[in-house]
Amino acid sequence: MPAESNEVLSKLLDIQLIELTAEITHLKEEAAAWENVAVAIYVLKEKNLAIFCQ
């Protein structure tokens, strides 16, 4: 991930406010080495189901 794209994510990770999950979505073999992998990055958050069950 380019540095200019991850400044906020980096800060949130540093203070352990979020946890990220990532996966490779596709590869472009014809692209330059630094551009040939596409990824999806997810921020997962637990929901408090108790408020929905009342």
PDB file of N, CA and C in Angstrom:
ATOM      1  N   MET A   1       0.854  -1.172   0.000  1.00  0.00           N
ATOM      2  CA  MET A   1       0.000   0.000   0.000  1.00  0.00           C
ATOM      3  C   MET A   1       0.900   1.234   0.000  1.00  0.00           C
ATOM      4  N   PRO A   2       0.645   2.177  -0.886  1.00  0.00           N
ATOM      5  CA  PRO A   2       1.472   3.389  -0.940  1.00  0.00           C
ATOM      6  C   PRO A   2       1.406   4.178   0.361  1.00  0.00           C
ATOM      7  N   ALA A   3       2.526   4.772   0.740  1.00  0.00           N
ATOM      8  CA  ALA A   3       2.604   5.507   2.009  1.00  0.00           C
ATOM      9  C   ALA A   3       1.561   6.616   2.099  1.00  0.00           C
ATOM     10  N   GLU A   4       1.296   7.304   0.987  1.00  0.00           N
ATOM     11  CA  GLU A   4       0.326   8.406   1.032  1.00  0.00           C
ATOM     12  C   GLU A   4      -1.103   7.905   1.246  1.00  0.00           C
ATOM     13  N   SER A   5      -1.318   6.617   1.077  1.00  0.00           N
ATOM     14  CA  SER A   5      -2.650   6.031   1.259  1.00  0.00           C
ATOM     15  C   SER A   5      -2.860   5.446   2.651  1.00  0.00           C
ATOM     16  N   ASN A   6      -1.820   5.321   3.445  1.00  0.00           N
ATOM     17  CA  ASN A   6      -1.981   4.603   4.708  1.00  0.00           C
ATOM     18  C   ASN A   6      -1.645   5.407   5.957  1.00  0.00           C
ATOM     19  N   GLU A   7      -1.530   6.714   5.854  1.00  0.00           N
ATOM     20  CA  GLU A   7      -1.162   7.520   7.026  1.00  0.00           C
ATOM     21  C   GLU A   7      -2.165   7.360   8.172  1.00  0.00           C
ATOM     22  N   VAL A   8      -3.442   7.489   7.880  1.00  0.00           N
ATOM     23  CA  VAL A   8      -4.464   7.373   8.924  1.00  0.00           C
ATOM     24  C   VAL A   8      -4.529   5.944   9.450  1.00  0.00           C
ATOM     25  N   LEU A   9      -4.513   4.957   8.549  1.00  0.00           N
ATOM     26  CA  LEU A   9      -4.541   3.558   8.985  1.00  0.00           C
ATOM     27  C   LEU A   9      -3.366   3.236   9.887  1.00  0.00           C
ATOM     28  N   SER A  10      -2.199   3.736   9.529  1.00  0.00           N
ATOM     29  CA  SER A  10      -1.003   3.484  10.328  1.00  0.00           C
ATOM     30  C   SER A  10      -1.158   4.031  11.750  1.00  0.00           C
ATOM     31  N   LYS A  11      -1.683   5.224  11.868  1.00  0.00           N
ATOM     32  CA  LYS A  11      -1.880   5.821  13.194  1.00  0.00           C
ATOM     33  C   LYS A  11      -2.895   5.034  14.018  1.00  0.00           C
ATOM     34  N   LEU A  12      -3.986   4.604  13.376  1.00  0.00           N
ATOM     35  CA  LEU A  12      -5.000   3.824  14.088  1.00  0.00           C
ATOM     36  C   LEU A  12      -4.446   2.473  14.540  1.00  0.00           C
ATOM     37  N   LEU A  13      -3.613   1.859  13.710  1.00  0.00           N
ATOM     38  CA  LEU A  13      -2.976   0.593  14.096  1.00  0.00           C
ATOM     39  C   LEU A  13      -2.000   0.798  15.239  1.00  0.00           C
ATOM     40  N   ASP A  14      -1.229   1.891  15.195  1.00  0.00           N
ATOM     41  CA  ASP A  14      -0.243   2.171  16.243  1.00  0.00           C
ATOM     42  C   ASP A  14      -0.879   2.289  17.616  1.00  0.00           C
ATOM     43  N   ILE A  15      -2.080   2.864  17.686  1.00  0.00           N
ATOM     44  CA  ILE A  15      -2.744   3.011  18.989  1.00  0.00           C
ATOM     45  C   ILE A  15      -3.694   1.852  19.275  1.00  0.00           C
ATOM     46  N   GLN A  16      -3.628   0.824  18.441  1.00  0.00           N
ATOM     47  CA  GLN A  16      -4.407  -0.409  18.592  1.00  0.00           C
ATOM     48  C   GLN A  16      -5.909  -0.147  18.659  1.00  0.00           C
ATOM     49  N   LEU A  17      -6.369   0.801  17.848  1.00  0.00           N
ATOM     50  CA  LEU A  17      -7.796   1.113  17.798  1.00  0.00           C
ATOM     51  C   LEU A  17      -8.536   0.205  16.823  1.00  0.00           C
ATOM     52  N   ILE A  18      -7.820  -0.269  15.808  1.00  0.00           N
ATOM     53  CA  ILE A  18      -8.435  -1.145  14.816  1.00  0.00           C
ATOM     54  C   ILE A  18      -7.541  -2.346  14.544  1.00  0.00           C
ATOM     55  N   GLU A  19      -8.145  -3.352  13.948  1.00  0.00           N
ATOM     56  CA  GLU A  19      -7.422  -4.529  13.469  1.00  0.00           C
ATOM     57  C   GLU A  19      -7.775  -4.704  12.000  1.00  0.00           C
ATOM     58  N   LEU A  20      -6.758  -4.890  11.171  1.00  0.00           N
ATOM     59  CA  LEU A  20      -6.982  -5.030   9.740  1.00  0.00           C
ATOM     60  C   LEU A  20      -6.882  -6.474   9.297  1.00  0.00           C
ATOM     61  N   THR A  21      -7.635  -6.794   8.274  1.00  0.00           N
ATOM     62  CA  THR A  21      -7.536  -8.067   7.576  1.00  0.00           C
ATOM     63  C   THR A  21      -7.375  -7.718   6.107  1.00  0.00           C
ATOM     64  N   ALA A  22      -6.521  -8.459   5.413  1.00  0.00           N
ATOM     65  CA  ALA A  22      -6.294  -8.161   3.998  1.00  0.00           C
ATOM     66  C   ALA A  22      -6.232  -9.449   3.199  1.00  0.00           C
ATOM     67  N   GLU A  23      -6.523  -9.317   1.905  1.00  0.00           N
ATOM     68  CA  GLU A  23      -6.399 -10.452   1.003  1.00  0.00           C
ATOM     69  C   GLU A  23      -6.005  -9.948  -0.378  1.00  0.00           C
ATOM     70  N   ILE A  24      -5.271 -10.769  -1.106  1.00  0.00           N
ATOM     71  CA  ILE A  24      -4.923 -10.452  -2.481  1.00  0.00           C
ATOM     72  C   ILE A  24      -6.164 -10.703  -3.332  1.00  0.00           C
ATOM     73  N   THR A  25      -6.567  -9.702  -4.108  1.00  0.00           N
ATOM     74  CA  THR A  25      -7.765  -9.856  -4.933  1.00  0.00           C
ATOM     75  C   THR A  25      -7.434 -10.296  -6.354  1.00  0.00           C
ATOM     76  N   HIS A  26      -6.335  -9.805  -6.898  1.00  0.00           N
ATOM     77  CA  HIS A  26      -5.895 -10.270  -8.212  1.00  0.00           C
ATOM     78  C   HIS A  26      -4.462  -9.829  -8.500  1.00  0.00           C
ATOM     79  N   LEU A  27      -3.863 -10.475  -9.476  1.00  0.00           N
ATOM     80  CA  LEU A  27      -2.497 -10.191  -9.905  1.00  0.00           C
ATOM     81  C   LEU A  27      -2.511  -9.730 -11.358  1.00  0.00           C
ATOM     82  N   LYS A  28      -1.648  -8.780 -11.676  1.00  0.00           N
ATOM     83  CA  LYS A  28      -1.457  -8.323 -13.053  1.00  0.00           C
ATOM     84  C   LYS A  28      -0.017  -8.636 -13.432  1.00  0.00           C
ATOM     85  N   GLU A  29       0.185  -9.750 -14.074  1.00  0.00           N
ATOM     86  CA  GLU A  29       1.537 -10.174 -14.407  1.00  0.00           C
ATOM     87  C   GLU A  29       2.243  -9.203 -15.346  1.00  0.00           C
ATOM     88  N   GLU A  30       1.492  -8.486 -16.183  1.00  0.00           N
ATOM     89  CA  GLU A  30       2.114  -7.574 -17.138  1.00  0.00           C
ATOM     90  C   GLU A  30       2.515  -6.233 -16.520  1.00  0.00           C
ATOM     91  N   ALA A  31       2.084  -5.953 -15.307  1.00  0.00           N
ATOM     92  CA  ALA A  31       2.371  -4.674 -14.650  1.00  0.00           C
ATOM     93  C   ALA A  31       3.755  -4.698 -14.002  1.00  0.00           C
ATOM     94  N   ALA A  32       4.242  -3.507 -13.686  1.00  0.00           N
ATOM     95  CA  ALA A  32       5.522  -3.379 -12.980  1.00  0.00           C
ATOM     96  C   ALA A  32       5.417  -4.058 -11.617  1.00  0.00           C
ATOM     97  N   ALA A  33       6.546  -4.474 -11.087  1.00  0.00           N
ATOM     98  CA  ALA A  33       6.578  -5.266  -9.849  1.00  0.00           C
ATOM     99  C   ALA A  33       5.830  -4.589  -8.697  1.00  0.00           C
ATOM    100  N   TRP A  34       5.919  -3.291  -8.580  1.00  0.00           N
ATOM    101  CA  TRP A  34       5.271  -2.586  -7.472  1.00  0.00           C
ATOM    102  C   TRP A  34       3.800  -2.295  -7.744  1.00  0.00           C
ATOM    103  N   GLU A  35       3.305  -2.649  -8.916  1.00  0.00           N
ATOM    104  CA  GLU A  35       1.905  -2.402  -9.259  1.00  0.00           C
ATOM    105  C   GLU A  35       1.137  -3.669  -9.619  1.00  0.00           C
ATOM    106  N   ASN A  36       1.745  -4.839  -9.475  1.00  0.00           N
ATOM    107  CA  ASN A  36       1.107  -6.042 -10.010  1.00  0.00           C
ATOM    108  C   ASN A  36       0.219  -6.798  -9.026  1.00  0.00           C
ATOM    109  N   VAL A  37       0.105  -6.334  -7.813  1.00  0.00           N
ATOM    110  CA  VAL A  37      -0.742  -7.006  -6.825  1.00  0.00           C
ATOM    111  C   VAL A  37      -1.829  -6.034  -6.369  1.00  0.00           C
ATOM    112  N   ALA A  38      -3.076  -6.477  -6.446  1.00  0.00           N
ATOM    113  CA  ALA A  38      -4.196  -5.690  -5.923  1.00  0.00           C
ATOM    114  C   ALA A  38      -4.676  -6.364  -4.638  1.00  0.00           C
ATOM    115  N   VAL A  39      -4.928  -5.556  -3.621  1.00  0.00           N
ATOM    116  CA  VAL A  39      -5.362  -6.103  -2.341  1.00  0.00           C
ATOM    117  C   VAL A  39      -6.648  -5.422  -1.880  1.00  0.00           C
ATOM    118  N   ALA A  40      -7.377  -6.118  -1.054  1.00  0.00           N
ATOM    119  CA  ALA A  40      -8.529  -5.555  -0.361  1.00  0.00           C
ATOM    120  C   ALA A  40      -8.169  -5.538   1.121  1.00  0.00           C
ATOM    121  N   ILE A  41      -8.407  -4.420   1.758  1.00  0.00           N
ATOM    122  CA  ILE A  41      -8.097  -4.267   3.184  1.00  0.00           C
ATOM    123  C   ILE A  41      -9.403  -3.976   3.911  1.00  0.00           C
ATOM    124  N   TYR A  42      -9.647  -4.751   4.958  1.00  0.00           N
ATOM    125  CA  TYR A  42     -10.893  -4.636   5.714  1.00  0.00           C
ATOM    126  C   TYR A  42     -10.614  -4.220   7.152  1.00  0.00           C
ATOM    127  N   VAL A  43     -11.490  -3.401   7.674  1.00  0.00           N
ATOM    128  CA  VAL A  43     -11.502  -3.090   9.097  1.00  0.00           C
ATOM    129  C   VAL A  43     -12.737  -3.783   9.647  1.00  0.00           C
ATOM    130  N   LEU A  44     -12.529  -4.742  10.540  1.00  0.00           N
ATOM    131  CA  LEU A  44     -13.644  -5.485  11.118  1.00  0.00           C
ATOM    132  C   LEU A  44     -13.981  -4.922  12.483  1.00  0.00           C
ATOM    133  N   LYS A  45     -15.260  -4.771  12.728  1.00  0.00           N
ATOM    134  CA  LYS A  45     -15.715  -4.244  14.012  1.00  0.00           C
ATOM    135  C   LYS A  45     -16.827  -5.131  14.525  1.00  0.00           C
ATOM    136  N   GLU A  46     -16.734  -5.504  15.790  1.00  0.00           N
ATOM    137  CA  GLU A  46     -17.794  -6.303  16.400  1.00  0.00           C
ATOM    138  C   GLU A  46     -19.020  -5.432  16.646  1.00  0.00           C
ATOM    139  N   LYS A  47     -20.157  -6.020  16.421  1.00  0.00           N
ATOM    140  CA  LYS A  47     -21.407  -5.323  16.740  1.00  0.00           C
ATOM    141  C   LYS A  47     -21.906  -5.806  18.085  1.00  0.00           C
ATOM    142  N   ASN A  48     -22.482  -4.915  18.826  1.00  0.00           N
ATOM    143  CA  ASN A  48     -23.091  -5.264  20.098  1.00  0.00           C
ATOM    144  C   ASN A  48     -24.499  -5.761  19.800  1.00  0.00           C
ATOM    145  N   LEU A  49     -24.658  -7.069  19.701  1.00  0.00           N
ATOM    146  CA  LEU A  49     -25.945  -7.647  19.323  1.00  0.00           C
ATOM    147  C   LEU A  49     -26.995  -7.508  20.421  1.00  0.00           C
ATOM    148  N   ALA A  50     -26.575  -7.208  21.626  1.00  0.00           N
ATOM    149  CA  ALA A  50     -27.524  -7.078  22.731  1.00  0.00           C
ATOM    150  C   ALA A  50     -28.560  -5.989  22.458  1.00  0.00           C
ATOM    151  N   ILE A  51     -28.154  -4.927  21.793  1.00  0.00           N
ATOM    152  CA  ILE A  51     -29.112  -3.844  21.526  1.00  0.00           C
ATOM    153  C   ILE A  51     -30.154  -4.250  20.479  1.00  0.00           C
ATOM    154  N   PHE A  52     -29.840  -5.234  19.655  1.00  0.00           N
ATOM    155  CA  PHE A  52     -30.784  -5.707  18.658  1.00  0.00           C
ATOM    156  C   PHE A  52     -31.728  -6.775  19.208  1.00  0.00           C
ATOM    157  N   CYS A  53     -31.388  -7.376  20.306  1.00  0.00           N
ATOM    158  CA  CYS A  53     -32.169  -8.488  20.850  1.00  0.00           C
ATOM    159  C   CYS A  53     -33.189  -8.025  21.881  1.00  0.00           C
ATOM    160  N   GLN A  54     -33.232  -6.788  22.203  1.00  0.00           N
ATOM    161  CA  GLN A  54     -34.134  -6.307  23.243  1.00  0.00           C
ATOM    162  C   GLN A  54     -35.530  -6.092  22.728  1.00  0.00           C
TER     163      GLN A  54
END
